[in-house]
N, C-alpha and C. Protein backbone atom coordinates (compact mmCIF):
# COMPACT_ATOMS: atom_id res chain seq x y z
N UNK A 1 25.71 -23.58 26.82
CA UNK A 1 24.58 -23.45 25.91
C UNK A 1 23.99 -24.80 25.62
N UNK A 2 22.65 -24.94 25.78
CA UNK A 2 22.03 -26.24 25.52
C UNK A 2 20.90 -26.03 24.55
N UNK A 3 20.95 -26.77 23.42
CA UNK A 3 19.87 -26.66 22.41
C UNK A 3 19.22 -28.03 22.27
N UNK A 4 17.98 -28.11 22.67
CA UNK A 4 17.26 -29.39 22.71
C UNK A 4 15.99 -29.36 21.92
N UNK A 5 15.55 -30.54 21.55
CA UNK A 5 14.23 -30.73 20.91
C UNK A 5 13.62 -31.93 21.63
N UNK A 6 12.33 -31.80 22.01
CA UNK A 6 11.63 -32.96 22.62
C UNK A 6 10.55 -33.37 21.65
N UNK A 7 10.49 -34.70 21.41
CA UNK A 7 9.58 -35.28 20.45
C UNK A 7 8.85 -36.44 21.10
N UNK A 8 7.58 -36.54 20.81
CA UNK A 8 6.78 -37.67 21.33
C UNK A 8 5.36 -37.57 20.83
N UNK A 9 4.65 -38.71 20.80
CA UNK A 9 3.26 -38.63 20.36
C UNK A 9 2.42 -37.86 21.35
N UNK A 10 1.21 -37.46 20.90
CA UNK A 10 0.28 -36.81 21.82
C UNK A 10 0.04 -37.77 23.00
N UNK A 11 -0.03 -37.17 24.22
CA UNK A 11 -0.26 -38.02 25.36
C UNK A 11 1.04 -38.61 25.95
N UNK A 12 2.21 -38.25 25.35
CA UNK A 12 3.48 -38.79 25.88
C UNK A 12 3.97 -37.97 27.04
N UNK A 13 3.34 -36.77 27.26
CA UNK A 13 3.74 -35.93 28.39
C UNK A 13 4.89 -35.00 28.03
N UNK A 14 5.11 -34.80 26.70
CA UNK A 14 6.27 -33.98 26.30
C UNK A 14 6.16 -32.53 26.71
N UNK A 15 4.93 -31.99 26.76
CA UNK A 15 4.72 -30.58 27.18
C UNK A 15 5.21 -30.40 28.61
N UNK A 16 4.77 -31.30 29.49
CA UNK A 16 5.13 -31.24 30.88
C UNK A 16 6.62 -31.44 31.06
N UNK A 17 7.15 -32.51 30.45
CA UNK A 17 8.61 -32.80 30.59
C UNK A 17 9.45 -31.72 29.96
N UNK A 18 8.96 -31.17 28.86
CA UNK A 18 9.70 -30.08 28.18
C UNK A 18 9.97 -28.92 29.13
N UNK A 19 8.91 -28.52 29.86
CA UNK A 19 9.02 -27.38 30.78
C UNK A 19 10.03 -27.74 31.92
N UNK A 20 9.92 -28.99 32.44
CA UNK A 20 10.80 -29.42 33.51
C UNK A 20 12.26 -29.45 33.07
N UNK A 21 12.51 -29.98 31.88
CA UNK A 21 13.88 -30.09 31.37
C UNK A 21 14.43 -28.74 31.07
N UNK A 22 13.66 -27.88 30.48
CA UNK A 22 14.10 -26.52 30.18
C UNK A 22 14.51 -25.79 31.46
N UNK A 23 13.71 -25.98 32.53
CA UNK A 23 14.05 -25.36 33.81
C UNK A 23 15.36 -25.92 34.33
N UNK A 24 15.52 -27.23 34.28
CA UNK A 24 16.74 -27.90 34.83
C UNK A 24 17.96 -27.37 34.09
N UNK A 25 17.84 -27.11 32.78
CA UNK A 25 19.02 -26.68 32.01
C UNK A 25 19.10 -25.16 31.83
N UNK A 26 18.14 -24.42 32.45
CA UNK A 26 18.19 -22.97 32.43
C UNK A 26 17.97 -22.34 31.04
N UNK A 27 17.08 -23.00 30.23
CA UNK A 27 16.80 -22.45 28.91
C UNK A 27 15.28 -22.30 28.75
N UNK A 28 14.83 -21.43 27.84
CA UNK A 28 13.34 -21.32 27.69
C UNK A 28 12.79 -22.55 26.92
N UNK A 29 11.62 -22.93 27.39
CA UNK A 29 10.86 -23.99 26.69
C UNK A 29 10.04 -23.26 25.63
N UNK A 30 10.23 -23.65 24.36
CA UNK A 30 9.54 -22.96 23.28
C UNK A 30 8.61 -23.93 22.59
N UNK A 31 7.32 -23.81 22.86
CA UNK A 31 6.39 -24.71 22.21
C UNK A 31 5.71 -23.94 21.08
N UNK A 32 5.48 -24.59 19.99
CA UNK A 32 4.94 -23.94 18.82
C UNK A 32 3.59 -23.27 19.14
N UNK A 33 2.72 -23.98 19.86
CA UNK A 33 1.47 -23.40 20.26
C UNK A 33 1.59 -22.10 21.01
N UNK A 34 2.51 -22.07 21.96
CA UNK A 34 2.75 -20.86 22.76
C UNK A 34 3.30 -19.71 21.92
N UNK A 35 4.20 -20.09 20.98
CA UNK A 35 4.80 -19.09 20.12
C UNK A 35 3.72 -18.44 19.22
N UNK A 36 2.82 -19.32 18.69
CA UNK A 36 1.74 -18.77 17.84
C UNK A 36 0.84 -17.85 18.67
N UNK A 37 0.47 -18.34 19.88
CA UNK A 37 -0.41 -17.49 20.71
C UNK A 37 0.24 -16.14 21.07
N UNK A 38 1.55 -16.19 21.36
CA UNK A 38 2.25 -14.94 21.72
C UNK A 38 2.33 -13.98 20.53
N UNK A 39 2.58 -14.53 19.34
CA UNK A 39 2.70 -13.72 18.13
C UNK A 39 1.34 -13.07 17.81
N UNK A 40 0.28 -13.81 18.00
CA UNK A 40 -1.08 -13.31 17.78
C UNK A 40 -1.37 -12.21 18.78
N UNK A 41 -1.04 -12.48 20.08
CA UNK A 41 -1.35 -11.49 21.15
C UNK A 41 -0.51 -10.22 20.95
N UNK A 42 0.73 -10.35 20.47
CA UNK A 42 1.56 -9.16 20.27
C UNK A 42 1.17 -8.41 19.00
N UNK A 43 0.32 -9.06 18.18
CA UNK A 43 -0.11 -8.39 16.94
C UNK A 43 1.00 -8.14 15.97
N UNK A 44 2.04 -9.00 15.99
CA UNK A 44 3.11 -8.83 14.99
C UNK A 44 2.56 -9.16 13.61
N UNK A 45 3.32 -8.80 12.59
CA UNK A 45 2.89 -9.05 11.22
C UNK A 45 2.66 -10.57 11.05
N UNK A 46 3.67 -11.37 11.53
CA UNK A 46 3.54 -12.82 11.46
C UNK A 46 2.33 -13.32 12.25
N UNK A 47 2.13 -12.69 13.43
CA UNK A 47 1.00 -13.06 14.27
C UNK A 47 -0.32 -12.87 13.60
N UNK A 48 -0.44 -11.78 12.85
CA UNK A 48 -1.72 -11.50 12.10
C UNK A 48 -1.94 -12.56 11.06
N UNK A 49 -0.86 -13.01 10.39
CA UNK A 49 -0.99 -14.06 9.39
C UNK A 49 -1.42 -15.37 10.05
N UNK A 50 -0.78 -15.70 11.17
CA UNK A 50 -1.13 -16.92 11.89
C UNK A 50 -2.59 -16.93 12.33
N UNK A 51 -2.99 -15.75 12.85
CA UNK A 51 -4.39 -15.64 13.38
C UNK A 51 -5.43 -15.92 12.27
N UNK A 52 -5.19 -15.33 11.10
CA UNK A 52 -6.13 -15.54 9.98
C UNK A 52 -6.22 -17.02 9.60
N UNK A 53 -5.06 -17.67 9.58
CA UNK A 53 -5.03 -19.11 9.21
C UNK A 53 -5.76 -19.97 10.22
N UNK A 54 -5.44 -19.70 11.56
CA UNK A 54 -6.03 -20.49 12.60
C UNK A 54 -7.59 -20.27 12.65
N UNK A 55 -7.98 -19.03 12.48
CA UNK A 55 -9.42 -18.71 12.49
C UNK A 55 -10.15 -19.41 11.33
N UNK A 56 -9.41 -19.63 10.24
CA UNK A 56 -10.04 -20.30 9.08
C UNK A 56 -10.05 -21.81 9.32
N UNK A 57 -9.42 -22.23 10.40
CA UNK A 57 -9.37 -23.67 10.73
C UNK A 57 -8.31 -24.44 9.95
N UNK A 58 -7.36 -23.69 9.36
CA UNK A 58 -6.32 -24.35 8.56
C UNK A 58 -5.06 -24.54 9.39
N UNK A 59 -4.18 -25.42 8.87
CA UNK A 59 -2.87 -25.62 9.48
C UNK A 59 -1.94 -24.52 9.00
N UNK A 60 -1.09 -24.03 9.91
CA UNK A 60 -0.11 -23.00 9.55
C UNK A 60 0.97 -23.71 8.68
N UNK A 61 1.33 -23.09 7.56
CA UNK A 61 2.29 -23.66 6.62
C UNK A 61 3.65 -23.81 7.26
N UNK A 62 4.48 -24.70 6.70
CA UNK A 62 5.83 -24.91 7.17
C UNK A 62 6.64 -23.60 7.18
N UNK A 63 6.50 -22.87 6.07
CA UNK A 63 7.27 -21.60 5.93
C UNK A 63 6.91 -20.59 7.04
N UNK A 64 5.58 -20.45 7.26
CA UNK A 64 5.17 -19.49 8.28
C UNK A 64 5.54 -19.96 9.65
N UNK A 65 5.32 -21.25 9.91
CA UNK A 65 5.71 -21.80 11.22
C UNK A 65 7.18 -21.55 11.49
N UNK A 66 7.99 -21.80 10.48
CA UNK A 66 9.46 -21.65 10.64
C UNK A 66 9.82 -20.20 10.88
N UNK A 67 9.12 -19.30 10.17
CA UNK A 67 9.38 -17.83 10.36
C UNK A 67 9.03 -17.41 11.77
N UNK A 68 7.93 -17.88 12.31
CA UNK A 68 7.50 -17.51 13.63
C UNK A 68 8.49 -18.07 14.68
N UNK A 69 8.97 -19.31 14.48
CA UNK A 69 9.90 -19.92 15.42
C UNK A 69 11.25 -19.17 15.35
N UNK A 70 11.68 -18.84 14.11
CA UNK A 70 12.96 -18.12 13.98
C UNK A 70 12.89 -16.78 14.74
N UNK A 71 11.77 -16.10 14.60
CA UNK A 71 11.58 -14.85 15.30
C UNK A 71 11.73 -15.07 16.83
N UNK A 72 11.13 -16.15 17.32
CA UNK A 72 11.16 -16.45 18.77
C UNK A 72 12.62 -16.83 19.21
N UNK A 73 13.30 -17.61 18.36
CA UNK A 73 14.63 -18.03 18.69
C UNK A 73 15.65 -16.87 18.66
N UNK A 74 15.25 -15.76 18.05
CA UNK A 74 16.12 -14.57 17.94
C UNK A 74 15.96 -13.66 19.16
N UNK A 75 15.04 -14.01 20.06
CA UNK A 75 14.88 -13.19 21.26
C UNK A 75 15.98 -13.44 22.25
N UNK A 76 16.24 -12.45 23.13
CA UNK A 76 17.39 -12.49 24.04
C UNK A 76 17.45 -13.76 24.90
N UNK A 77 16.30 -14.17 25.43
CA UNK A 77 16.38 -15.28 26.40
C UNK A 77 16.79 -16.58 25.74
N UNK A 78 16.69 -16.67 24.39
CA UNK A 78 17.08 -17.94 23.72
C UNK A 78 18.58 -17.92 23.35
N UNK A 79 19.29 -16.85 23.76
CA UNK A 79 20.75 -16.82 23.43
C UNK A 79 21.49 -17.90 24.21
N UNK A 80 20.93 -18.30 25.38
CA UNK A 80 21.60 -19.31 26.24
C UNK A 80 21.25 -20.75 25.76
N UNK A 81 20.36 -20.81 24.79
CA UNK A 81 19.89 -22.12 24.32
C UNK A 81 18.40 -22.16 24.39
N UNK A 82 17.83 -23.36 24.19
CA UNK A 82 16.37 -23.48 24.12
C UNK A 82 15.97 -24.95 24.17
N UNK A 83 14.71 -25.19 24.44
CA UNK A 83 14.13 -26.50 24.29
C UNK A 83 12.91 -26.35 23.38
N UNK A 84 12.92 -26.95 22.22
CA UNK A 84 11.81 -26.84 21.27
C UNK A 84 10.82 -27.98 21.49
N UNK A 85 9.52 -27.66 21.47
CA UNK A 85 8.49 -28.66 21.62
C UNK A 85 7.45 -28.40 20.56
N UNK A 86 7.29 -29.36 19.64
CA UNK A 86 6.26 -29.19 18.58
C UNK A 86 6.86 -28.62 17.28
N UNK A 87 8.16 -28.38 17.29
CA UNK A 87 8.80 -27.87 16.09
C UNK A 87 10.25 -28.33 16.10
N UNK A 88 10.76 -28.89 15.01
CA UNK A 88 10.14 -29.16 13.76
C UNK A 88 9.23 -30.37 13.86
N UNK A 89 8.08 -30.32 13.10
CA UNK A 89 7.15 -31.44 13.17
C UNK A 89 7.15 -32.29 11.92
N UNK A 90 7.98 -31.90 10.94
CA UNK A 90 8.17 -32.72 9.74
C UNK A 90 9.53 -32.46 9.17
N UNK A 91 9.92 -33.23 8.15
CA UNK A 91 11.24 -33.15 7.57
C UNK A 91 11.55 -31.79 6.93
N UNK A 92 10.54 -31.16 6.33
CA UNK A 92 10.76 -29.85 5.72
C UNK A 92 11.13 -28.84 6.79
N UNK A 93 10.47 -28.91 7.95
CA UNK A 93 10.79 -27.99 9.03
C UNK A 93 12.18 -28.28 9.61
N UNK A 94 12.62 -29.53 9.56
CA UNK A 94 13.98 -29.86 10.03
C UNK A 94 14.98 -29.07 9.17
N UNK A 95 14.71 -29.08 7.88
CA UNK A 95 15.63 -28.34 6.94
C UNK A 95 15.65 -26.85 7.26
N UNK A 96 14.44 -26.31 7.51
CA UNK A 96 14.36 -24.88 7.89
C UNK A 96 15.16 -24.59 9.15
N UNK A 97 15.02 -25.47 10.14
CA UNK A 97 15.74 -25.25 11.43
C UNK A 97 17.23 -25.38 11.23
N UNK A 98 17.66 -26.40 10.42
CA UNK A 98 19.08 -26.60 10.15
C UNK A 98 19.69 -25.32 9.56
N UNK A 99 18.96 -24.79 8.58
CA UNK A 99 19.44 -23.60 7.87
C UNK A 99 19.60 -22.43 8.80
N UNK A 100 18.62 -22.23 9.68
CA UNK A 100 18.63 -21.13 10.65
C UNK A 100 19.82 -21.32 11.62
N UNK A 101 19.95 -22.51 12.19
CA UNK A 101 21.01 -22.76 13.17
C UNK A 101 22.40 -22.67 12.51
N UNK A 102 22.53 -23.20 11.32
CA UNK A 102 23.81 -23.14 10.61
C UNK A 102 24.24 -21.70 10.37
N UNK A 103 23.23 -20.88 10.08
CA UNK A 103 23.50 -19.45 9.89
C UNK A 103 24.05 -18.78 11.15
N UNK A 104 23.82 -19.41 12.31
CA UNK A 104 24.32 -18.88 13.55
C UNK A 104 25.50 -19.67 14.08
N UNK A 105 25.93 -20.65 13.28
CA UNK A 105 27.05 -21.48 13.71
C UNK A 105 26.67 -22.42 14.86
N UNK A 106 25.38 -22.81 14.89
CA UNK A 106 24.89 -23.66 15.99
C UNK A 106 24.29 -24.95 15.43
N UNK A 107 24.07 -25.93 16.34
CA UNK A 107 23.33 -27.13 15.97
C UNK A 107 22.64 -27.66 17.23
N UNK A 108 21.67 -28.56 17.03
CA UNK A 108 21.03 -29.15 18.21
C UNK A 108 22.00 -30.05 18.94
N UNK A 109 21.91 -30.04 20.26
CA UNK A 109 22.76 -30.91 21.08
C UNK A 109 22.15 -32.29 21.24
N UNK A 110 20.84 -32.33 21.38
CA UNK A 110 20.17 -33.63 21.58
C UNK A 110 18.68 -33.51 21.22
N UNK A 111 18.14 -34.63 20.79
CA UNK A 111 16.72 -34.76 20.50
C UNK A 111 16.17 -35.80 21.47
N UNK A 112 15.31 -35.37 22.38
CA UNK A 112 14.73 -36.29 23.36
C UNK A 112 13.51 -36.93 22.74
N UNK A 113 13.52 -38.28 22.62
CA UNK A 113 12.33 -38.98 22.10
C UNK A 113 11.68 -39.66 23.27
N UNK A 114 10.47 -39.21 23.58
CA UNK A 114 9.68 -39.88 24.66
C UNK A 114 8.90 -40.99 24.01
N UNK A 115 9.29 -42.24 24.27
CA UNK A 115 8.52 -43.27 23.65
C UNK A 115 7.49 -43.87 24.57
N UNK A 116 6.29 -43.93 24.05
CA UNK A 116 5.13 -44.38 24.82
C UNK A 116 4.34 -45.29 23.88
N UNK A 117 3.94 -46.48 24.35
CA UNK A 117 3.18 -47.39 23.50
C UNK A 117 1.86 -46.68 23.07
N UNK A 118 1.42 -47.00 21.86
CA UNK A 118 0.22 -46.35 21.31
C UNK A 118 -0.99 -46.46 22.21
N UNK A 119 -1.22 -47.67 22.78
CA UNK A 119 -2.41 -47.82 23.65
C UNK A 119 -2.31 -47.00 24.91
N UNK A 120 -1.06 -46.75 25.39
CA UNK A 120 -0.87 -45.89 26.56
C UNK A 120 -1.19 -44.47 26.23
N UNK A 121 -0.76 -43.99 25.02
CA UNK A 121 -1.08 -42.60 24.60
C UNK A 121 -2.60 -42.44 24.51
N UNK A 122 -3.27 -43.43 23.91
CA UNK A 122 -4.76 -43.34 23.74
C UNK A 122 -5.43 -43.30 25.11
N UNK A 123 -4.96 -44.16 26.03
CA UNK A 123 -5.54 -44.21 27.37
C UNK A 123 -5.35 -42.87 28.09
N UNK A 124 -4.14 -42.29 27.99
CA UNK A 124 -3.84 -41.02 28.66
C UNK A 124 -4.72 -39.91 28.11
N UNK A 125 -4.81 -39.84 26.76
CA UNK A 125 -5.58 -38.79 26.10
C UNK A 125 -7.08 -38.91 26.43
N UNK A 126 -7.53 -40.15 26.43
CA UNK A 126 -8.96 -40.39 26.76
C UNK A 126 -9.27 -39.92 28.21
N UNK A 127 -8.33 -40.26 29.09
CA UNK A 127 -8.50 -39.85 30.51
C UNK A 127 -8.49 -38.29 30.58
N UNK A 128 -7.55 -37.69 29.90
CA UNK A 128 -7.47 -36.21 29.92
C UNK A 128 -8.76 -35.60 29.39
N UNK A 129 -9.27 -36.19 28.34
CA UNK A 129 -10.51 -35.68 27.72
C UNK A 129 -11.67 -35.74 28.73
N UNK A 130 -11.71 -36.82 29.46
CA UNK A 130 -12.79 -37.00 30.50
C UNK A 130 -12.60 -35.96 31.59
N UNK A 131 -11.38 -35.87 32.07
CA UNK A 131 -11.10 -34.92 33.18
C UNK A 131 -11.38 -33.49 32.79
N UNK A 132 -11.10 -33.11 31.54
CA UNK A 132 -11.26 -31.74 31.09
C UNK A 132 -12.59 -31.54 30.40
N UNK A 133 -13.38 -32.57 30.33
CA UNK A 133 -14.69 -32.49 29.67
C UNK A 133 -14.58 -32.16 28.19
N UNK A 134 -13.53 -32.72 27.55
CA UNK A 134 -13.36 -32.44 26.12
C UNK A 134 -14.03 -33.53 25.29
N UNK A 135 -15.23 -33.21 24.87
CA UNK A 135 -16.04 -34.22 24.13
C UNK A 135 -15.49 -34.45 22.72
N UNK A 136 -14.68 -33.48 22.25
CA UNK A 136 -14.16 -33.66 20.85
C UNK A 136 -13.02 -34.67 20.78
N UNK A 137 -12.44 -35.01 21.94
CA UNK A 137 -11.34 -35.98 21.96
C UNK A 137 -11.85 -37.42 22.07
N UNK A 138 -12.51 -37.84 20.97
CA UNK A 138 -13.00 -39.24 20.94
C UNK A 138 -11.81 -40.11 20.57
N UNK A 139 -11.99 -41.42 20.74
CA UNK A 139 -10.91 -42.35 20.46
C UNK A 139 -10.48 -42.24 18.96
N UNK A 140 -11.49 -41.96 18.13
CA UNK A 140 -11.26 -41.85 16.69
C UNK A 140 -10.36 -40.65 16.38
N UNK A 141 -10.69 -39.56 17.05
CA UNK A 141 -9.93 -38.28 16.82
C UNK A 141 -8.48 -38.48 17.34
N UNK A 142 -8.39 -39.11 18.52
CA UNK A 142 -7.09 -39.38 19.11
C UNK A 142 -6.25 -40.26 18.20
N UNK A 143 -6.88 -41.33 17.68
CA UNK A 143 -6.16 -42.28 16.79
C UNK A 143 -5.69 -41.56 15.52
N UNK A 144 -6.52 -40.60 15.04
CA UNK A 144 -6.16 -39.85 13.86
C UNK A 144 -4.94 -38.97 14.10
N UNK A 145 -4.92 -38.31 15.29
CA UNK A 145 -3.79 -37.44 15.63
C UNK A 145 -2.50 -38.28 15.74
N UNK A 146 -2.63 -39.47 16.33
CA UNK A 146 -1.45 -40.33 16.46
C UNK A 146 -0.98 -40.78 15.09
N UNK A 147 -1.90 -41.03 14.18
CA UNK A 147 -1.53 -41.45 12.82
C UNK A 147 -0.76 -40.33 12.11
N UNK A 148 -1.21 -39.07 12.34
CA UNK A 148 -0.53 -37.93 11.72
C UNK A 148 0.89 -37.83 12.29
N UNK A 149 1.01 -38.02 13.60
CA UNK A 149 2.35 -38.02 14.25
C UNK A 149 3.23 -39.05 13.64
N UNK A 150 2.69 -40.29 13.52
CA UNK A 150 3.49 -41.38 12.97
C UNK A 150 3.92 -41.15 11.52
N UNK A 151 3.02 -40.54 10.77
CA UNK A 151 3.29 -40.28 9.34
C UNK A 151 4.23 -39.11 9.12
N UNK A 152 4.03 -38.02 9.88
CA UNK A 152 4.76 -36.79 9.58
C UNK A 152 5.92 -36.52 10.51
N UNK A 153 5.73 -36.76 11.82
CA UNK A 153 6.75 -36.38 12.78
C UNK A 153 7.75 -37.49 13.05
N UNK A 154 7.31 -38.72 13.16
CA UNK A 154 8.26 -39.84 13.46
C UNK A 154 9.44 -39.86 12.48
N UNK A 155 9.23 -39.56 11.16
CA UNK A 155 10.40 -39.61 10.22
C UNK A 155 11.51 -38.63 10.61
N UNK A 156 11.21 -37.55 11.37
CA UNK A 156 12.33 -36.66 11.72
C UNK A 156 13.32 -37.35 12.64
N UNK A 157 12.82 -38.39 13.37
CA UNK A 157 13.73 -39.11 14.27
C UNK A 157 14.76 -39.91 13.47
N UNK A 158 14.36 -40.29 12.23
CA UNK A 158 15.32 -40.98 11.38
C UNK A 158 16.44 -40.01 10.96
N UNK A 159 16.07 -38.75 10.67
CA UNK A 159 17.04 -37.77 10.25
C UNK A 159 18.02 -37.47 11.40
N UNK A 160 17.43 -37.20 12.59
CA UNK A 160 18.29 -36.92 13.75
C UNK A 160 19.05 -38.15 14.24
N UNK A 161 18.42 -39.30 14.09
CA UNK A 161 19.07 -40.55 14.50
C UNK A 161 20.34 -40.78 13.71
N UNK A 162 20.28 -40.46 12.41
CA UNK A 162 21.45 -40.60 11.54
C UNK A 162 22.60 -39.69 12.00
N UNK A 163 22.24 -38.59 12.72
CA UNK A 163 23.27 -37.68 13.24
C UNK A 163 23.75 -38.10 14.61
N UNK A 164 23.10 -39.14 15.15
CA UNK A 164 23.54 -39.67 16.43
C UNK A 164 23.18 -38.80 17.59
N UNK A 165 22.09 -38.01 17.48
CA UNK A 165 21.75 -37.13 18.62
C UNK A 165 20.41 -37.43 19.29
N UNK A 166 19.79 -38.58 18.89
CA UNK A 166 18.50 -38.92 19.50
C UNK A 166 18.75 -39.68 20.84
N UNK A 167 18.07 -39.21 21.88
CA UNK A 167 18.15 -39.89 23.16
C UNK A 167 16.76 -40.49 23.41
N UNK A 168 16.71 -41.81 23.37
CA UNK A 168 15.36 -42.43 23.50
C UNK A 168 15.07 -42.65 25.02
N UNK A 169 13.90 -42.20 25.43
CA UNK A 169 13.50 -42.28 26.83
C UNK A 169 12.19 -43.01 26.96
N UNK A 170 12.18 -43.93 27.89
CA UNK A 170 10.91 -44.65 28.21
C UNK A 170 9.98 -43.66 28.88
N UNK A 171 8.86 -43.35 28.22
CA UNK A 171 7.94 -42.33 28.66
C UNK A 171 6.85 -42.86 29.59
N UNK A 172 7.04 -44.09 30.10
CA UNK A 172 6.02 -44.64 30.99
C UNK A 172 6.59 -44.67 32.42
N UNK A 173 5.78 -44.13 33.34
CA UNK A 173 6.25 -44.08 34.75
C UNK A 173 5.76 -42.78 35.37
N UNK A 174 6.27 -42.50 36.57
CA UNK A 174 5.80 -41.25 37.22
C UNK A 174 6.57 -40.07 36.56
N UNK A 175 5.98 -38.87 36.73
CA UNK A 175 6.58 -37.68 36.10
C UNK A 175 8.00 -37.51 36.56
N UNK A 176 8.27 -37.68 37.85
CA UNK A 176 9.61 -37.51 38.38
C UNK A 176 10.59 -38.55 37.83
N UNK A 177 10.11 -39.81 37.69
CA UNK A 177 10.99 -40.81 37.17
C UNK A 177 11.41 -40.51 35.78
N UNK A 178 10.43 -40.07 34.96
CA UNK A 178 10.71 -39.76 33.53
C UNK A 178 11.64 -38.55 33.47
N UNK A 179 11.43 -37.51 34.27
CA UNK A 179 12.32 -36.36 34.29
C UNK A 179 13.73 -36.80 34.62
N UNK A 180 13.86 -37.63 35.64
CA UNK A 180 15.18 -38.10 36.09
C UNK A 180 15.89 -38.86 34.96
N UNK A 181 15.08 -39.71 34.22
CA UNK A 181 15.68 -40.49 33.11
C UNK A 181 16.23 -39.55 32.05
N UNK A 182 15.41 -38.51 31.72
CA UNK A 182 15.87 -37.56 30.68
C UNK A 182 17.14 -36.83 31.11
N UNK A 183 17.14 -36.30 32.33
CA UNK A 183 18.27 -35.56 32.83
C UNK A 183 19.52 -36.42 32.81
N UNK A 184 19.43 -37.64 33.34
CA UNK A 184 20.68 -38.47 33.39
C UNK A 184 21.12 -38.85 31.97
N UNK A 185 20.18 -39.03 31.04
CA UNK A 185 20.60 -39.33 29.66
C UNK A 185 21.31 -38.15 29.03
N UNK A 186 20.81 -36.94 29.30
CA UNK A 186 21.44 -35.72 28.75
C UNK A 186 22.79 -35.49 29.40
N UNK A 187 22.90 -35.73 30.73
CA UNK A 187 24.17 -35.56 31.41
C UNK A 187 25.19 -36.56 30.89
N UNK A 188 24.75 -37.76 30.57
CA UNK A 188 25.61 -38.78 30.00
C UNK A 188 26.18 -38.34 28.68
N UNK A 189 25.47 -37.42 27.99
CA UNK A 189 25.97 -36.88 26.70
C UNK A 189 26.84 -35.62 26.92
N UNK A 190 27.11 -35.31 28.19
CA UNK A 190 27.97 -34.14 28.46
C UNK A 190 27.27 -32.83 28.58
N UNK A 191 25.91 -32.86 28.67
CA UNK A 191 25.17 -31.61 28.83
C UNK A 191 24.94 -31.40 30.35
N UNK A 192 25.21 -30.18 30.78
CA UNK A 192 25.17 -29.91 32.20
C UNK A 192 23.97 -29.07 32.60
N UNK A 193 23.41 -29.45 33.73
CA UNK A 193 22.27 -28.66 34.23
C UNK A 193 22.73 -27.27 34.64
N UNK A 194 21.76 -26.35 34.61
CA UNK A 194 22.14 -24.94 34.99
C UNK A 194 22.37 -24.89 36.48
N UNK A 195 23.25 -24.04 36.89
CA UNK A 195 23.61 -23.95 38.33
C UNK A 195 22.39 -23.44 39.14
N UNK A 196 21.53 -22.69 38.47
CA UNK A 196 20.37 -22.07 39.14
C UNK A 196 19.29 -23.13 39.37
N UNK A 197 19.33 -24.23 38.63
CA UNK A 197 18.22 -25.23 38.74
C UNK A 197 18.26 -25.98 40.03
């Protein structure tokens, strides 16, 4: 059983790496955005609440985010473990996740921190915006998103760092190089890839 969390600023490639690492270890990659979209599509009670908040242009509260993620982690495919991406995104959500996992007698095995210099994140996001024709991704908007990450999400690394489970990975290089770095760091911690991978 492998329980992982991947953390990194926007533009660090954590979505792409998360999917690759989850495949390598034979666990589902669970991104908050995907979980919200699935809950909305399935029309669950939580999904209806999420839909109303998103349509109003507001951020989903910590309590509701945690409830939706708990529902997802209770599905059969997550019994073998999981890789979380985008949750927990602040210290309050860390406490919610701890409580949920403790209730199941589980804990996170490792927190993968993809570290990418700020100017590299901005360059990658600007390039992605151009490629995808996203005019809303101005440098100002990108810098604001990174500031929110630094203010709200980076502190969770302090919490997990104190538990000795943070694996810091250099997030600069080719996709394959970065994936290989993550896998070898996790294997060094005694986590084994799935036989099917």
